[in-house]
Structures are given as C-alpha cells and as structure tokens.
C-alpha cells in the first residue's frame, strides 16, 4: 500500500506567508527523493524556498496554482504519494500507475531484476520481500523447497537403504566425510532416512 503525504511550506522561526514562484514538476509526474517540487517566495523576507520531495513517489495533486495566492506554513500545497515503484510493466508502475521509464534512466538504478518478460522489472528490495514471504509461507505449511540437480553438480541425494547396500559402514563414512554439508531428514510415513550432500563449495572452486 502507498502512503499519502501532504506537502507544506517550510516552518520558519518568524512565521510568514508564502506565494508560489513556480512548480518544477507536473501533476502525476514520478520523482526521486529530494527532487525539487516547487519554489516559494517568502512574503516578508523575499527569499526563495525550494520544496523537495520527502521520498520517491508521485505528485498526485497541486493545491497551490495561483501566483498571487498566499499560504501559511500550515496550508498544504500538494498531495504526494510515496511509492518506490516495486514492479514496472512497460515503464509504468503497477502500484501507482506513474510513468517511471525516464526516471529509471536518470537515477542510480535500484532495480535490476528482469523476468522472462523484458517489459517487467522488479526492484531488488521487492524481490527480496517476495522471497522472504515465500519462505515464510513454505515454513508455515511445513513444505520443502525442491532443488533439482540432474547431474549431481551441486547436490547429491540418496537414501539410507542405498548406502547400506554397498557397505554397512557407508552411512557413517558418508556423514563423517561430508561434515557440516550433509543433511539427513525423514519424510513420514516412511522410516527411511534421506541424505542430501551439498557440493557447492567444491563446485565453485573448480577451474573453468
């Protein structure tokens, strides 16, 4: 869910009203954090004050449009929708609907997760969030994540009965030689013990 914020003129030690000099963005435009949204002029001190975006998001409404209108620090001048655009499709944010295609080009890219569809892009933070939610869901359902490794490059799996066929002491040797990278578990109602041996460390050290 997006957060909706009201944008106000600055609060000064000596209160004064402000008038609009100009808007630096358009209504509905997606902006980055600390982007200048508007410039206001203090009625008393004649100074120019830049109003910046509190976060990445979209200016959904501009309430101050008349250059002669004066507002206090307690009067909102714009409505801002905070959105980090977690998923984009064809350059459009699927959350707030803003066009962020140009925004992504000008920014230090925070997103780099491309799916099989080149038009879909997911931010790294959102991808991690989805992965955490999936892991928690699987844990809650007490389900295992299946890793399929056909050529035994990274994983080697077998059952207790297979190990005992060739050597009665093979089970003990298998566990001792593999150390902390071997995991045993049961799948009810079977009484067989299953083993998974991880070869990842040896695999990444292979000379290619």
N, C-alpha and C. Protein backbone atom coordinates (compact mmCIF):
# COMPACT_ATOMS: atom_id res chain seq x y z
N UNK A 1 0.83 -1.19 0.00
CA UNK A 1 0.00 0.00 0.00
C UNK A 1 0.87 1.25 0.00
N UNK A 2 0.46 2.27 -0.75
CA UNK A 2 1.21 3.51 -0.81
C UNK A 2 0.81 4.42 0.34
N UNK A 3 1.74 5.29 0.71
CA UNK A 3 1.50 6.27 1.76
C UNK A 3 1.21 7.62 1.11
N UNK A 4 0.17 8.29 1.57
CA UNK A 4 -0.21 9.59 1.05
C UNK A 4 0.24 10.67 2.04
N UNK A 5 1.00 11.63 1.55
CA UNK A 5 1.52 12.72 2.39
C UNK A 5 1.07 14.07 1.85
N UNK A 6 0.92 15.01 2.76
CA UNK A 6 0.65 16.41 2.38
C UNK A 6 1.97 17.17 2.42
N UNK A 7 2.20 17.99 1.41
CA UNK A 7 3.42 18.79 1.32
C UNK A 7 3.11 20.22 1.78
N UNK A 8 3.91 20.72 2.73
CA UNK A 8 3.67 22.04 3.32
C UNK A 8 4.84 22.98 3.03
N UNK A 9 4.59 24.29 3.10
CA UNK A 9 5.69 25.26 3.05
C UNK A 9 6.57 25.09 4.29
N UNK A 10 7.78 25.66 4.27
CA UNK A 10 8.68 25.48 5.42
C UNK A 10 8.17 26.21 6.66
N UNK A 11 8.54 25.67 7.82
CA UNK A 11 8.22 26.30 9.10
C UNK A 11 9.44 27.11 9.53
N UNK A 12 9.29 28.43 9.64
CA UNK A 12 10.39 29.32 9.96
C UNK A 12 10.27 29.83 11.40
N UNK A 13 11.40 30.34 11.89
CA UNK A 13 11.41 30.89 13.25
C UNK A 13 10.46 32.08 13.36
N UNK A 14 10.44 32.90 12.34
CA UNK A 14 9.49 34.03 12.28
C UNK A 14 8.42 33.65 11.26
N UNK A 15 7.21 33.37 11.70
CA UNK A 15 6.15 32.93 10.78
C UNK A 15 5.87 33.97 9.69
N UNK A 16 5.64 33.47 8.49
CA UNK A 16 5.26 34.35 7.40
C UNK A 16 4.51 33.55 6.34
N UNK A 17 3.85 34.25 5.46
CA UNK A 17 3.16 33.60 4.36
C UNK A 17 4.09 33.43 3.17
N UNK A 18 3.63 32.59 2.23
CA UNK A 18 4.42 32.31 1.04
C UNK A 18 3.53 32.43 -0.18
N UNK A 19 4.19 32.74 -1.31
CA UNK A 19 3.48 32.74 -2.58
C UNK A 19 4.26 31.86 -3.56
N UNK A 20 3.56 31.30 -4.50
CA UNK A 20 4.17 30.39 -5.47
C UNK A 20 5.01 31.14 -6.49
N UNK A 21 6.25 30.69 -6.70
CA UNK A 21 7.10 31.21 -7.77
C UNK A 21 6.87 30.36 -9.02
N UNK A 22 7.04 29.04 -8.87
CA UNK A 22 6.75 28.12 -9.98
C UNK A 22 6.83 26.69 -9.49
N UNK A 23 6.14 25.82 -10.21
CA UNK A 23 6.24 24.39 -9.98
C UNK A 23 7.36 23.83 -10.85
N UNK A 24 8.17 22.94 -10.27
CA UNK A 24 9.27 22.33 -11.01
C UNK A 24 8.87 20.99 -11.63
N UNK A 25 7.70 20.48 -11.24
CA UNK A 25 7.22 19.19 -11.75
C UNK A 25 5.78 19.36 -12.21
N UNK A 26 5.30 18.34 -12.90
CA UNK A 26 3.91 18.33 -13.34
C UNK A 26 3.10 17.40 -12.45
N UNK A 27 1.80 17.66 -12.39
CA UNK A 27 0.92 16.79 -11.63
C UNK A 27 0.91 15.39 -12.25
N UNK A 28 1.09 14.36 -11.40
CA UNK A 28 1.15 12.99 -11.88
C UNK A 28 2.55 12.54 -12.26
N UNK A 29 3.54 13.41 -12.12
CA UNK A 29 4.91 13.07 -12.50
C UNK A 29 5.59 12.30 -11.39
N UNK A 30 6.33 11.26 -11.76
CA UNK A 30 7.11 10.48 -10.81
C UNK A 30 8.43 11.18 -10.55
N UNK A 31 8.82 11.26 -9.29
CA UNK A 31 10.05 11.96 -8.92
C UNK A 31 10.87 11.11 -7.96
N UNK A 32 12.14 11.44 -7.86
CA UNK A 32 13.03 10.79 -6.92
C UNK A 32 13.01 11.51 -5.57
N UNK A 33 13.62 10.92 -4.57
CA UNK A 33 13.72 11.56 -3.26
C UNK A 33 14.57 12.82 -3.36
N UNK A 34 14.17 13.86 -2.63
CA UNK A 34 14.87 15.16 -2.59
C UNK A 34 14.81 15.91 -3.91
N UNK A 35 13.88 15.55 -4.77
CA UNK A 35 13.68 16.30 -6.00
C UNK A 35 12.91 17.59 -5.69
N UNK A 36 13.30 18.70 -6.33
CA UNK A 36 12.61 19.97 -6.11
C UNK A 36 11.24 19.93 -6.76
N UNK A 37 10.20 20.10 -5.94
CA UNK A 37 8.83 20.08 -6.44
C UNK A 37 8.35 21.46 -6.83
N UNK A 38 8.66 22.44 -5.98
CA UNK A 38 8.19 23.81 -6.23
C UNK A 38 9.13 24.80 -5.57
N UNK A 39 9.03 26.06 -5.99
CA UNK A 39 9.77 27.15 -5.36
C UNK A 39 8.77 28.18 -4.86
N UNK A 40 8.93 28.53 -3.58
CA UNK A 40 8.05 29.52 -2.95
C UNK A 40 8.87 30.74 -2.54
N UNK A 41 8.20 31.88 -2.49
CA UNK A 41 8.85 33.11 -2.06
C UNK A 41 8.22 33.57 -0.75
N UNK A 42 9.09 33.87 0.23
CA UNK A 42 8.59 34.40 1.49
C UNK A 42 8.09 35.82 1.32
N UNK A 43 6.89 36.10 1.82
CA UNK A 43 6.29 37.43 1.65
C UNK A 43 7.08 38.48 2.42
N UNK A 44 7.61 38.13 3.57
CA UNK A 44 8.33 39.10 4.40
C UNK A 44 9.80 39.23 4.02
N UNK A 45 10.49 38.12 3.91
CA UNK A 45 11.94 38.20 3.67
C UNK A 45 12.31 38.15 2.19
N UNK A 46 11.34 37.91 1.31
CA UNK A 46 11.57 37.86 -0.14
C UNK A 46 12.57 36.78 -0.56
N UNK A 47 12.78 35.80 0.29
CA UNK A 47 13.70 34.71 -0.04
C UNK A 47 12.96 33.60 -0.79
N UNK A 48 13.74 32.85 -1.60
CA UNK A 48 13.17 31.73 -2.35
C UNK A 48 13.43 30.44 -1.58
N UNK A 49 12.38 29.66 -1.41
CA UNK A 49 12.48 28.39 -0.68
C UNK A 49 12.10 27.24 -1.62
N UNK A 50 13.00 26.25 -1.69
CA UNK A 50 12.74 25.07 -2.53
C UNK A 50 12.02 24.01 -1.70
N UNK A 51 10.93 23.52 -2.22
CA UNK A 51 10.17 22.45 -1.57
C UNK A 51 10.54 21.14 -2.26
N UNK A 52 11.09 20.20 -1.51
CA UNK A 52 11.58 18.96 -2.10
C UNK A 52 10.70 17.77 -1.73
N UNK A 53 10.84 16.72 -2.49
CA UNK A 53 10.05 15.50 -2.25
C UNK A 53 10.63 14.74 -1.07
N UNK A 54 9.78 14.26 -0.16
CA UNK A 54 10.26 13.55 1.02
C UNK A 54 10.74 12.14 0.73
N UNK A 55 10.34 11.62 -0.41
CA UNK A 55 10.69 10.25 -0.77
C UNK A 55 10.48 10.09 -2.27
N UNK A 56 10.75 8.91 -2.76
CA UNK A 56 10.43 8.61 -4.16
C UNK A 56 8.93 8.41 -4.28
N UNK A 57 8.32 9.01 -5.29
CA UNK A 57 6.88 8.88 -5.42
C UNK A 57 6.32 9.74 -6.54
N UNK A 58 5.03 10.14 -6.36
CA UNK A 58 4.30 10.84 -7.41
C UNK A 58 3.55 12.03 -6.80
N UNK A 59 3.59 13.17 -7.48
CA UNK A 59 2.79 14.33 -7.09
C UNK A 59 1.39 14.11 -7.66
N UNK A 60 0.46 13.77 -6.80
CA UNK A 60 -0.89 13.45 -7.27
C UNK A 60 -1.81 14.65 -7.37
N UNK A 61 -1.50 15.71 -6.61
CA UNK A 61 -2.38 16.89 -6.63
C UNK A 61 -1.58 18.14 -6.28
N UNK A 62 -1.86 19.23 -6.99
CA UNK A 62 -1.24 20.52 -6.72
C UNK A 62 -2.34 21.48 -6.25
N UNK A 63 -2.26 21.90 -5.00
CA UNK A 63 -3.30 22.73 -4.43
C UNK A 63 -3.02 24.23 -4.57
N UNK A 64 -1.77 24.56 -4.82
CA UNK A 64 -1.38 25.97 -4.97
C UNK A 64 -1.08 26.23 -6.45
N UNK A 65 -1.96 26.98 -7.10
CA UNK A 65 -1.81 27.22 -8.54
C UNK A 65 -1.77 28.69 -8.90
N UNK A 66 -2.32 29.51 -8.05
CA UNK A 66 -2.39 30.95 -8.32
C UNK A 66 -1.12 31.62 -7.80
N UNK A 67 -0.43 32.36 -8.67
CA UNK A 67 0.82 33.01 -8.27
C UNK A 67 0.60 34.13 -7.25
N UNK A 68 -0.58 34.64 -7.16
CA UNK A 68 -0.85 35.73 -6.22
C UNK A 68 -1.40 35.21 -4.89
N UNK A 69 -1.75 33.94 -4.83
CA UNK A 69 -2.31 33.38 -3.61
C UNK A 69 -1.23 33.21 -2.55
N UNK A 70 -1.55 33.61 -1.32
CA UNK A 70 -0.62 33.47 -0.21
C UNK A 70 -1.09 32.36 0.73
N UNK A 71 -0.11 31.56 1.19
CA UNK A 71 -0.43 30.45 2.09
C UNK A 71 0.53 30.48 3.28
N UNK A 72 0.08 29.93 4.39
CA UNK A 72 0.92 29.85 5.58
C UNK A 72 1.63 28.49 5.62
N UNK A 73 2.44 28.29 6.65
CA UNK A 73 3.17 27.03 6.79
C UNK A 73 2.24 25.89 7.16
N UNK A 74 1.01 26.22 7.53
CA UNK A 74 0.05 25.19 7.94
C UNK A 74 -0.88 24.78 6.80
N UNK A 75 -0.68 25.36 5.62
CA UNK A 75 -1.55 25.07 4.48
C UNK A 75 -0.83 24.15 3.49
N UNK A 76 -1.37 22.99 3.22
CA UNK A 76 -0.71 22.07 2.26
C UNK A 76 -0.77 22.64 0.85
N UNK A 77 0.32 22.49 0.13
CA UNK A 77 0.38 22.98 -1.25
C UNK A 77 0.29 21.84 -2.27
N UNK A 78 0.47 20.60 -1.81
CA UNK A 78 0.42 19.46 -2.74
C UNK A 78 0.16 18.18 -1.97
N UNK A 79 -0.33 17.18 -2.69
CA UNK A 79 -0.51 15.84 -2.14
C UNK A 79 0.50 14.93 -2.83
N UNK A 80 1.22 14.16 -2.02
CA UNK A 80 2.32 13.35 -2.53
C UNK A 80 2.08 11.88 -2.17
N UNK A 81 2.18 11.02 -3.17
CA UNK A 81 2.03 9.59 -2.95
C UNK A 81 3.40 8.93 -2.94
N UNK A 82 3.79 8.42 -1.78
CA UNK A 82 5.07 7.74 -1.66
C UNK A 82 4.99 6.38 -2.34
N UNK A 83 5.91 6.12 -3.25
CA UNK A 83 5.92 4.84 -3.98
C UNK A 83 7.32 4.60 -4.52
N UNK A 84 7.89 3.45 -4.19
CA UNK A 84 9.22 3.13 -4.72
C UNK A 84 9.14 2.31 -5.99
N UNK A 85 7.92 2.22 -6.57
CA UNK A 85 7.69 1.55 -7.86
C UNK A 85 8.31 0.15 -7.86
N UNK A 86 7.80 -0.74 -7.00
CA UNK A 86 8.42 -2.07 -6.87
C UNK A 86 8.36 -2.92 -8.12
N UNK A 87 7.29 -2.77 -8.90
CA UNK A 87 7.16 -3.54 -10.14
C UNK A 87 6.73 -2.60 -11.25
N UNK A 88 7.41 -2.66 -12.37
CA UNK A 88 7.04 -1.83 -13.52
C UNK A 88 6.78 -2.73 -14.72
N UNK A 89 5.82 -2.31 -15.52
CA UNK A 89 5.50 -3.04 -16.75
C UNK A 89 5.47 -2.03 -17.89
N UNK A 90 6.39 -2.21 -18.81
CA UNK A 90 6.48 -1.28 -19.93
C UNK A 90 6.78 0.15 -19.50
N UNK A 91 7.51 0.30 -18.39
CA UNK A 91 7.85 1.62 -17.89
C UNK A 91 6.82 2.22 -16.96
N UNK A 92 5.68 1.57 -16.77
CA UNK A 92 4.62 2.07 -15.88
C UNK A 92 4.65 1.29 -14.57
N UNK A 93 4.54 2.04 -13.46
CA UNK A 93 4.49 1.40 -12.15
C UNK A 93 3.15 0.70 -11.98
N UNK A 94 3.19 -0.57 -11.60
CA UNK A 94 1.94 -1.32 -11.40
C UNK A 94 1.25 -0.94 -10.10
N UNK A 95 1.94 -0.18 -9.26
CA UNK A 95 1.36 0.21 -7.97
C UNK A 95 0.64 1.56 -8.05
N UNK A 96 1.33 2.57 -8.59
CA UNK A 96 0.74 3.91 -8.63
C UNK A 96 0.38 4.36 -10.05
N UNK A 97 0.82 3.61 -11.06
CA UNK A 97 0.47 3.94 -12.44
C UNK A 97 1.34 4.99 -13.10
N UNK A 98 2.36 5.48 -12.39
CA UNK A 98 3.21 6.54 -12.94
C UNK A 98 4.16 5.99 -14.00
N UNK A 99 4.51 6.85 -14.95
CA UNK A 99 5.49 6.51 -15.97
C UNK A 99 6.88 6.76 -15.38
N UNK A 100 7.62 5.69 -15.12
CA UNK A 100 8.93 5.81 -14.48
C UNK A 100 10.06 5.43 -15.43
N UNK A 101 9.75 5.33 -16.72
CA UNK A 101 10.76 4.91 -17.69
C UNK A 101 11.93 5.89 -17.74
N UNK A 102 11.65 7.18 -17.80
CA UNK A 102 12.71 8.18 -17.82
C UNK A 102 13.34 8.35 -16.45
N UNK A 103 12.55 8.13 -15.41
CA UNK A 103 13.06 8.25 -14.05
C UNK A 103 14.15 7.23 -13.79
N UNK A 104 13.95 6.02 -14.24
CA UNK A 104 14.92 4.96 -14.03
C UNK A 104 16.21 5.21 -14.80
N UNK A 105 16.09 5.86 -15.95
CA UNK A 105 17.29 6.13 -16.76
C UNK A 105 18.17 7.17 -16.09
N UNK A 106 17.56 8.15 -15.42
CA UNK A 106 18.32 9.24 -14.82
C UNK A 106 18.81 8.91 -13.43
N UNK A 107 18.24 7.87 -12.80
CA UNK A 107 18.59 7.55 -11.42
C UNK A 107 19.66 6.48 -11.36
N UNK A 108 20.29 6.39 -10.19
CA UNK A 108 21.17 5.28 -9.92
C UNK A 108 20.28 4.05 -9.79
N UNK A 109 20.33 3.11 -10.71
CA UNK A 109 19.32 2.05 -10.75
C UNK A 109 19.29 1.21 -9.47
N UNK A 110 18.11 1.20 -8.85
CA UNK A 110 17.91 0.36 -7.68
C UNK A 110 17.28 -0.96 -8.10
N UNK A 111 16.88 -1.06 -9.34
CA UNK A 111 16.21 -2.27 -9.79
C UNK A 111 17.04 -2.92 -10.88
N UNK A 112 17.10 -4.23 -10.83
CA UNK A 112 17.86 -4.93 -11.85
C UNK A 112 17.40 -6.35 -12.03
N UNK A 113 16.22 -6.65 -11.50
CA UNK A 113 15.70 -7.99 -11.62
C UNK A 113 14.74 -8.05 -12.79
N UNK A 114 15.20 -8.58 -13.90
CA UNK A 114 14.36 -8.73 -15.08
C UNK A 114 13.83 -10.16 -15.14
N UNK A 115 12.55 -10.29 -15.43
CA UNK A 115 11.95 -11.60 -15.56
C UNK A 115 12.05 -12.04 -17.01
N UNK A 116 11.40 -13.17 -17.34
CA UNK A 116 11.46 -13.67 -18.71
C UNK A 116 10.81 -12.68 -19.67
N UNK A 117 9.87 -11.90 -19.17
CA UNK A 117 9.25 -10.85 -19.98
C UNK A 117 10.10 -9.58 -19.85
N UNK A 118 10.72 -9.10 -20.93
CA UNK A 118 11.62 -7.94 -20.83
C UNK A 118 10.92 -6.65 -20.43
N UNK A 119 9.58 -6.63 -20.50
CA UNK A 119 8.85 -5.42 -20.16
C UNK A 119 8.58 -5.32 -18.66
N UNK A 120 8.83 -6.40 -17.92
CA UNK A 120 8.58 -6.41 -16.48
C UNK A 120 9.90 -6.25 -15.74
N UNK A 121 9.92 -5.34 -14.77
CA UNK A 121 11.11 -5.13 -13.97
C UNK A 121 10.70 -5.04 -12.50
N UNK A 122 11.47 -5.71 -11.64
CA UNK A 122 11.18 -5.75 -10.21
C UNK A 122 12.39 -5.23 -9.46
N UNK A 123 12.16 -4.37 -8.46
CA UNK A 123 13.27 -3.85 -7.68
C UNK A 123 13.86 -4.96 -6.82
N UNK A 124 15.14 -4.81 -6.48
CA UNK A 124 15.81 -5.81 -5.66
C UNK A 124 15.14 -5.94 -4.30
N UNK A 125 14.75 -4.81 -3.70
CA UNK A 125 14.10 -4.85 -2.39
C UNK A 125 12.79 -5.62 -2.44
N UNK A 126 12.02 -5.40 -3.51
CA UNK A 126 10.74 -6.09 -3.63
C UNK A 126 10.95 -7.57 -3.90
N UNK A 127 11.99 -7.90 -4.67
CA UNK A 127 12.30 -9.30 -4.95
C UNK A 127 12.67 -10.03 -3.66
N UNK A 128 13.47 -9.36 -2.80
CA UNK A 128 13.84 -9.96 -1.52
C UNK A 128 12.60 -10.14 -0.63
N UNK A 129 11.71 -9.14 -0.66
CA UNK A 129 10.49 -9.22 0.14
C UNK A 129 9.62 -10.39 -0.31
N UNK A 130 9.48 -10.57 -1.62
CA UNK A 130 8.70 -11.68 -2.14
C UNK A 130 9.32 -13.03 -1.77
N UNK A 131 10.65 -13.09 -1.81
CA UNK A 131 11.33 -14.33 -1.45
C UNK A 131 11.14 -14.65 0.03
N UNK A 132 11.22 -13.63 0.88
CA UNK A 132 11.00 -13.85 2.31
C UNK A 132 9.58 -14.32 2.58
N UNK A 133 8.61 -13.70 1.90
CA UNK A 133 7.22 -14.11 2.07
C UNK A 133 7.01 -15.56 1.62
N UNK A 134 7.68 -15.94 0.53
CA UNK A 134 7.55 -17.31 0.03
C UNK A 134 8.17 -18.31 1.00
N UNK A 135 9.34 -17.95 1.55
CA UNK A 135 10.00 -18.83 2.52
C UNK A 135 9.14 -19.01 3.77
N UNK A 136 8.59 -17.90 4.28
CA UNK A 136 7.73 -17.96 5.46
C UNK A 136 6.46 -18.78 5.20
N UNK A 137 5.93 -18.65 3.97
CA UNK A 137 4.74 -19.42 3.62
C UNK A 137 5.04 -20.92 3.60
N UNK A 138 6.19 -21.29 3.00
CA UNK A 138 6.57 -22.69 2.95
C UNK A 138 6.85 -23.25 4.34
N UNK A 139 7.48 -22.44 5.20
CA UNK A 139 7.73 -22.89 6.56
C UNK A 139 6.42 -23.08 7.32
N UNK A 140 5.49 -22.14 7.11
CA UNK A 140 4.19 -22.24 7.78
C UNK A 140 3.41 -23.46 7.35
N UNK A 141 3.57 -23.85 6.09
CA UNK A 141 2.89 -25.04 5.57
C UNK A 141 3.71 -26.31 5.76
N UNK A 142 4.90 -26.14 6.34
CA UNK A 142 5.83 -27.26 6.57
C UNK A 142 6.13 -28.00 5.27
N UNK A 143 6.46 -27.21 4.25
CA UNK A 143 6.80 -27.78 2.96
C UNK A 143 8.28 -27.57 2.67
N UNK A 144 8.83 -28.45 1.84
CA UNK A 144 10.23 -28.35 1.46
C UNK A 144 10.36 -27.68 0.10
N UNK A 145 11.45 -26.96 -0.07
CA UNK A 145 11.77 -26.40 -1.38
C UNK A 145 12.57 -27.44 -2.15
N UNK A 146 12.10 -27.82 -3.32
CA UNK A 146 12.77 -28.85 -4.11
C UNK A 146 13.82 -28.21 -5.02
N UNK A 147 15.05 -28.69 -4.91
CA UNK A 147 16.14 -28.26 -5.79
C UNK A 147 16.48 -29.44 -6.70
N UNK A 148 16.28 -29.28 -7.99
CA UNK A 148 16.52 -30.35 -8.95
C UNK A 148 17.88 -30.14 -9.61
N UNK A 149 18.77 -31.08 -9.37
CA UNK A 149 20.12 -31.01 -9.92
C UNK A 149 20.42 -32.35 -10.58
N UNK A 150 20.14 -32.46 -11.88
CA UNK A 150 20.15 -33.75 -12.58
C UNK A 150 21.53 -34.39 -12.64
N UNK A 151 22.59 -33.59 -12.76
CA UNK A 151 23.92 -34.18 -12.95
C UNK A 151 24.74 -34.21 -11.66
N UNK A 152 24.10 -33.97 -10.49
CA UNK A 152 24.78 -34.04 -9.19
C UNK A 152 25.96 -33.06 -9.10
N UNK A 153 25.85 -31.92 -9.77
CA UNK A 153 26.92 -30.93 -9.73
C UNK A 153 26.96 -30.24 -8.37
N UNK A 154 25.81 -29.89 -7.86
CA UNK A 154 25.75 -29.13 -6.60
C UNK A 154 25.21 -29.99 -5.46
N UNK A 155 24.25 -30.86 -5.75
CA UNK A 155 23.64 -31.67 -4.72
C UNK A 155 23.78 -33.17 -5.05
N UNK A 156 23.97 -33.95 -4.00
CA UNK A 156 23.96 -35.40 -4.15
C UNK A 156 22.99 -35.95 -3.11
N UNK A 157 21.92 -36.58 -3.55
CA UNK A 157 20.90 -37.08 -2.64
C UNK A 157 20.81 -38.60 -2.72
N UNK A 158 20.57 -39.24 -1.59
CA UNK A 158 20.38 -40.68 -1.56
C UNK A 158 19.62 -41.05 -0.30
N UNK A 159 19.24 -42.33 -0.21
CA UNK A 159 18.52 -42.81 0.96
C UNK A 159 19.40 -43.75 1.76
N UNK A 160 18.97 -44.00 2.98
CA UNK A 160 19.76 -44.83 3.89
C UNK A 160 19.94 -46.25 3.37
N UNK A 161 18.91 -46.81 2.75
CA UNK A 161 19.00 -48.19 2.27
C UNK A 161 19.99 -48.33 1.13
N UNK A 162 20.09 -47.29 0.28
CA UNK A 162 21.06 -47.34 -0.83
C UNK A 162 22.49 -47.36 -0.30
N UNK A 163 22.75 -46.59 0.74
CA UNK A 163 24.09 -46.54 1.32
C UNK A 163 24.46 -47.88 1.94
N UNK A 164 23.50 -48.56 2.59
CA UNK A 164 23.78 -49.82 3.29
C UNK A 164 24.05 -50.97 2.32
N UNK A 165 23.57 -50.88 1.08
CA UNK A 165 23.72 -51.98 0.13
C UNK A 165 25.18 -52.28 -0.14
N UNK A 166 25.97 -51.26 -0.38
CA UNK A 166 27.36 -51.46 -0.77
C UNK A 166 28.30 -51.67 0.41
N UNK A 167 27.99 -51.04 1.54
CA UNK A 167 28.90 -51.10 2.67
C UNK A 167 28.12 -50.81 3.95
N UNK A 168 28.12 -51.72 4.92
CA UNK A 168 27.39 -51.48 6.16
C UNK A 168 27.85 -50.24 6.90
N UNK A 169 29.11 -49.87 6.70
CA UNK A 169 29.64 -48.69 7.39
C UNK A 169 29.58 -47.43 6.51
N UNK A 170 28.97 -47.58 5.32
CA UNK A 170 28.98 -46.46 4.37
C UNK A 170 28.22 -45.26 4.91
N UNK A 171 27.15 -45.54 5.65
CA UNK A 171 26.36 -44.42 6.21
C UNK A 171 27.22 -43.56 7.12
N UNK A 172 27.97 -44.22 8.01
CA UNK A 172 28.83 -43.48 8.93
C UNK A 172 29.92 -42.74 8.18
N UNK A 173 30.53 -43.41 7.18
CA UNK A 173 31.58 -42.77 6.39
C UNK A 173 31.03 -41.57 5.62
N UNK A 174 29.83 -41.75 5.08
CA UNK A 174 29.20 -40.70 4.27
C UNK A 174 29.03 -39.42 5.09
N UNK A 175 28.57 -39.57 6.32
CA UNK A 175 28.32 -38.41 7.18
C UNK A 175 29.62 -37.80 7.66
N UNK A 176 30.56 -38.65 8.09
CA UNK A 176 31.83 -38.13 8.63
C UNK A 176 32.62 -37.40 7.55
N UNK A 177 32.72 -37.99 6.35
CA UNK A 177 33.50 -37.38 5.28
C UNK A 177 32.87 -36.09 4.78
N UNK A 178 31.54 -35.98 4.87
CA UNK A 178 30.86 -34.81 4.34
C UNK A 178 30.78 -33.67 5.35
N UNK A 179 30.86 -34.00 6.64
CA UNK A 179 30.84 -32.96 7.67
C UNK A 179 29.55 -32.18 7.69
N UNK A 180 29.72 -30.87 7.87
CA UNK A 180 28.56 -30.00 8.06
C UNK A 180 27.75 -29.80 6.79
N UNK A 181 28.20 -30.30 5.65
CA UNK A 181 27.49 -30.09 4.39
C UNK A 181 26.56 -31.25 4.03
N UNK A 182 26.34 -32.15 4.98
CA UNK A 182 25.42 -33.26 4.77
C UNK A 182 24.23 -33.10 5.72
N UNK A 183 23.04 -33.27 5.17
CA UNK A 183 21.82 -33.09 5.96
C UNK A 183 20.95 -34.35 5.84
N UNK A 184 20.50 -34.86 6.97
CA UNK A 184 19.63 -36.01 6.99
C UNK A 184 18.24 -35.64 7.45
N UNK A 185 17.22 -36.30 6.91
CA UNK A 185 15.85 -36.00 7.30
C UNK A 185 14.95 -37.18 6.96
N UNK A 186 13.75 -37.18 7.53
CA UNK A 186 12.75 -38.20 7.28
C UNK A 186 11.53 -37.60 6.61
N UNK A 187 10.86 -38.41 5.80
CA UNK A 187 9.62 -38.00 5.16
C UNK A 187 8.53 -38.99 5.57
N UNK A 188 7.76 -38.64 6.60
CA UNK A 188 6.70 -39.56 7.06
C UNK A 188 5.74 -39.88 5.92
N UNK A 189 5.16 -41.10 5.91
CA UNK A 189 5.24 -42.13 6.95
C UNK A 189 6.43 -43.08 6.80
N UNK A 190 7.28 -42.86 5.80
CA UNK A 190 8.42 -43.75 5.60
C UNK A 190 9.41 -43.61 6.75
N UNK A 191 10.05 -44.73 7.09
CA UNK A 191 11.06 -44.71 8.15
C UNK A 191 12.47 -44.53 7.58
N UNK A 192 12.55 -44.50 6.28
CA UNK A 192 13.86 -44.31 5.65
C UNK A 192 14.42 -42.93 5.98
N UNK A 193 15.71 -42.87 6.11
CA UNK A 193 16.37 -41.59 6.31
C UNK A 193 16.97 -41.14 4.98
N UNK A 194 16.72 -39.90 4.63
CA UNK A 194 17.23 -39.34 3.38
C UNK A 194 18.41 -38.43 3.69
N UNK A 195 19.36 -38.41 2.75
CA UNK A 195 20.54 -37.58 2.92
C UNK A 195 20.74 -36.68 1.71
N UNK A 196 21.14 -35.46 1.99
CA UNK A 196 21.50 -34.52 0.92
C UNK A 196 22.89 -33.99 1.21
N UNK A 197 23.78 -34.16 0.26
CA UNK A 197 25.16 -33.68 0.40
C UNK A 197 25.35 -32.51 -0.55
N UNK A 198 25.81 -31.39 0.00
CA UNK A 198 25.99 -30.17 -0.79
C UNK A 198 27.42 -30.07 -1.27
N UNK A 199 27.58 -29.97 -2.58
CA UNK A 199 28.92 -29.87 -3.18
C UNK A 199 29.24 -28.45 -3.62
N UNK A 200 28.49 -27.49 -3.13
CA UNK A 200 28.62 -26.12 -3.65
C UNK A 200 30.03 -25.58 -3.47
N UNK A 201 30.62 -25.82 -2.29
CA UNK A 201 31.96 -25.27 -2.04
C UNK A 201 32.96 -25.83 -3.03
N UNK A 202 32.94 -27.14 -3.25
CA UNK A 202 33.89 -27.74 -4.19
C UNK A 202 33.57 -27.33 -5.62
N UNK A 203 32.28 -27.12 -5.90
CA UNK A 203 31.88 -26.76 -7.26
C UNK A 203 32.40 -25.38 -7.65
N UNK A 204 32.27 -24.41 -6.75
CA UNK A 204 32.69 -23.04 -7.10
C UNK A 204 34.20 -22.91 -7.15
N UNK A 205 34.92 -23.86 -6.58
CA UNK A 205 36.38 -23.82 -6.61
C UNK A 205 36.97 -24.55 -7.81
N UNK A 206 36.11 -25.13 -8.64
CA UNK A 206 36.61 -25.84 -9.81
C UNK A 206 37.18 -24.84 -10.83
N UNK A 207 38.30 -25.16 -11.48
CA UNK A 207 38.86 -24.27 -12.51
C UNK A 207 38.08 -24.42 -13.82
N UNK A 208 37.51 -23.33 -14.30
CA UNK A 208 36.76 -23.35 -15.57
C UNK A 208 37.54 -22.58 -16.62
